[in-house]
C-alpha atoms as a PDB file:
ATOM      1  CA  UNK A   1      99.064 119.673  91.313  1.00  0.00           C
ATOM      2  CA  UNK A   2      96.612 117.166  89.870  1.00  0.00           C
ATOM      3  CA  UNK A   3      94.596 117.700  86.711  1.00  0.00           C
ATOM      4  CA  UNK A   4      91.155 116.342  85.832  1.00  0.00           C
ATOM      5  CA  UNK A   5      89.699 115.632  82.394  1.00  0.00           C
ATOM      6  CA  UNK A   6      86.671 117.788  81.550  1.00  0.00           C
ATOM      7  CA  UNK A   7      85.353 115.006  79.293  1.00  0.00           C
ATOM      8  CA  UNK A   8      85.671 111.787  81.305  1.00  0.00           C
ATOM      9  CA  UNK A   9      86.692 112.850  84.827  1.00  0.00           C
ATOM     10  CA  UNK A  10      90.027 110.988  84.820  1.00  0.00           C
ATOM     11  CA  UNK A  11      92.711 112.411  87.117  1.00  0.00           C
ATOM     12  CA  UNK A  12      96.462 112.674  86.428  1.00  0.00           C
ATOM     13  CA  UNK A  13      99.497 114.559  87.729  1.00  0.00           C
ATOM     14  CA  UNK A  14     100.491 115.473  84.155  1.00  0.00           C
ATOM     15  CA  UNK A  15      97.912 117.229  81.934  1.00  0.00           C
ATOM     16  CA  UNK A  16      99.481 115.590  78.871  1.00  0.00           C
ATOM     17  CA  UNK A  17      97.945 112.281  79.947  1.00  0.00           C
ATOM     18  CA  UNK A  18      94.379 113.626  79.656  1.00  0.00           C
ATOM     19  CA  UNK A  19      92.282 114.330  76.555  1.00  0.00           C
ATOM     20  CA  UNK A  20      90.690 117.569  77.884  1.00  0.00           C
ATOM     21  CA  UNK A  21      92.633 118.692  80.998  1.00  0.00           C
ATOM     22  CA  UNK A  22      91.635 121.356  83.469  1.00  0.00           C
ATOM     23  CA  UNK A  23      93.743 122.835  86.263  1.00  0.00           C
ATOM     24  CA  UNK A  24      91.158 122.501  89.017  1.00  0.00           C
ATOM     25  CA  UNK A  25      92.817 121.959  92.370  1.00  0.00           C
ATOM     26  CA  UNK A  26      92.110 118.683  94.130  1.00  0.00           C
ATOM     27  CA  UNK A  27      91.610 118.796  97.894  1.00  0.00           C
ATOM     28  CA  UNK A  28      92.009 115.857 100.271  1.00  0.00           C
ATOM     29  CA  UNK A  29      88.643 114.845 101.722  1.00  0.00           C
ATOM     30  CA  UNK A  30      90.409 113.203 104.673  1.00  0.00           C
ATOM     31  CA  UNK A  31      92.770 115.939 105.943  1.00  0.00           C
ATOM     32  CA  UNK A  32      91.511 118.994 104.047  1.00  0.00           C
ATOM     33  CA  UNK A  33      94.866 119.796 102.416  1.00  0.00           C
ATOM     34  CA  UNK A  34      94.510 121.897  99.268  1.00  0.00           C
ATOM     35  CA  UNK A  35      96.173 121.243  95.925  1.00  0.00           C
ATOM     36  CA  UNK A  36      97.255 117.634  96.534  1.00  0.00           C
ATOM     37  CA  UNK A  37      98.595 115.206  93.948  1.00  0.00           C
ATOM     38  CA  UNK A  38      96.722 112.035  93.044  1.00  0.00           C
ATOM     39  CA  UNK A  39      99.336 110.117  95.061  1.00  0.00           C
ATOM     40  CA  UNK A  40      98.653 112.039  98.294  1.00  0.00           C
ATOM     41  CA  UNK A  41      98.354 109.743 101.339  1.00  0.00           C
ATOM     42  CA  UNK A  42      97.729 111.289 104.748  1.00  0.00           C
ATOM     43  CA  UNK A  43      97.155 109.554 108.102  1.00  0.00           C
ATOM     44  CA  UNK A  44      93.367 109.844 107.770  1.00  0.00           C
ATOM     45  CA  UNK A  45      93.295 108.410 104.260  1.00  0.00           C
ATOM     46  CA  UNK A  46      95.651 105.587 105.186  1.00  0.00           C
ATOM     47  CA  UNK A  47      93.534 104.679 108.217  1.00  0.00           C
ATOM     48  CA  UNK A  48      90.403 104.485 106.017  1.00  0.00           C
ATOM     49  CA  UNK A  49      91.910 101.857 103.709  1.00  0.00           C
ATOM     50  CA  UNK A  50      90.358  98.529 104.755  1.00  0.00           C
ATOM     51  CA  UNK A  51      90.841  96.314 101.679  1.00  0.00           C
ATOM     52  CA  UNK A  52      93.662  95.393  99.305  1.00  0.00           C
ATOM     53  CA  UNK A  53      93.418  93.787  95.871  1.00  0.00           C
ATOM     54  CA  UNK A  54      94.886  90.295  95.744  1.00  0.00           C
ATOM     55  CA  UNK A  55      95.780  90.860  92.072  1.00  0.00           C
ATOM     56  CA  UNK A  56      97.462  94.287  91.881  1.00  0.00           C
ATOM     57  CA  UNK A  57      97.876  95.379  95.517  1.00  0.00           C
ATOM     58  CA  UNK A  58      95.737  98.530  95.211  1.00  0.00           C
ATOM     59  CA  UNK A  59      94.080  99.551  98.481  1.00  0.00           C
ATOM     60  CA  UNK A  60      90.585 100.955  99.010  1.00  0.00           C
ATOM     61  CA  UNK A  61      88.165 101.907 101.755  1.00  0.00           C
ATOM     62  CA  UNK A  62      85.321 100.017 100.043  1.00  0.00           C
ATOM     63  CA  UNK A  63      85.700  96.490  98.700  1.00  0.00           C
ATOM     64  CA  UNK A  64      83.539  97.391  95.677  1.00  0.00           C
ATOM     65  CA  UNK A  65      86.352  99.685  94.450  1.00  0.00           C
ATOM     66  CA  UNK A  66      88.816  96.860  93.758  1.00  0.00           C
ATOM     67  CA  UNK A  67      88.536  93.698  91.673  1.00  0.00           C
ATOM     68  CA  UNK A  68      89.667  90.964  94.111  1.00  0.00           C
ATOM     69  CA  UNK A  69      89.330  92.411  97.642  1.00  0.00           C
ATOM     70  CA  UNK A  70      90.886  90.998 100.785  1.00  0.00           C
ATOM     71  CA  UNK A  71      90.421  92.618 104.182  1.00  0.00           C
ATOM     72  CA  UNK A  72      93.553  94.245 105.581  1.00  0.00           C
ATOM     73  CA  UNK A  73      94.212  92.781 109.011  1.00  0.00           C
END
């Protein structure tokens, strides 16, 4: 289960990492699965990832979400 911070909106798998945690369930907007962790990757989410960061390797669907984007071939 993932937790979100009521103050800043940060998300973490462990509520101890947040300043004001809540136990709201997070659903996957790609496959509709309920109560997923922040590390959840389904086929739909993976297919939507079009860019990777040349610095840290993070992937994103929108190049504005990462610092040094490179299109995934």
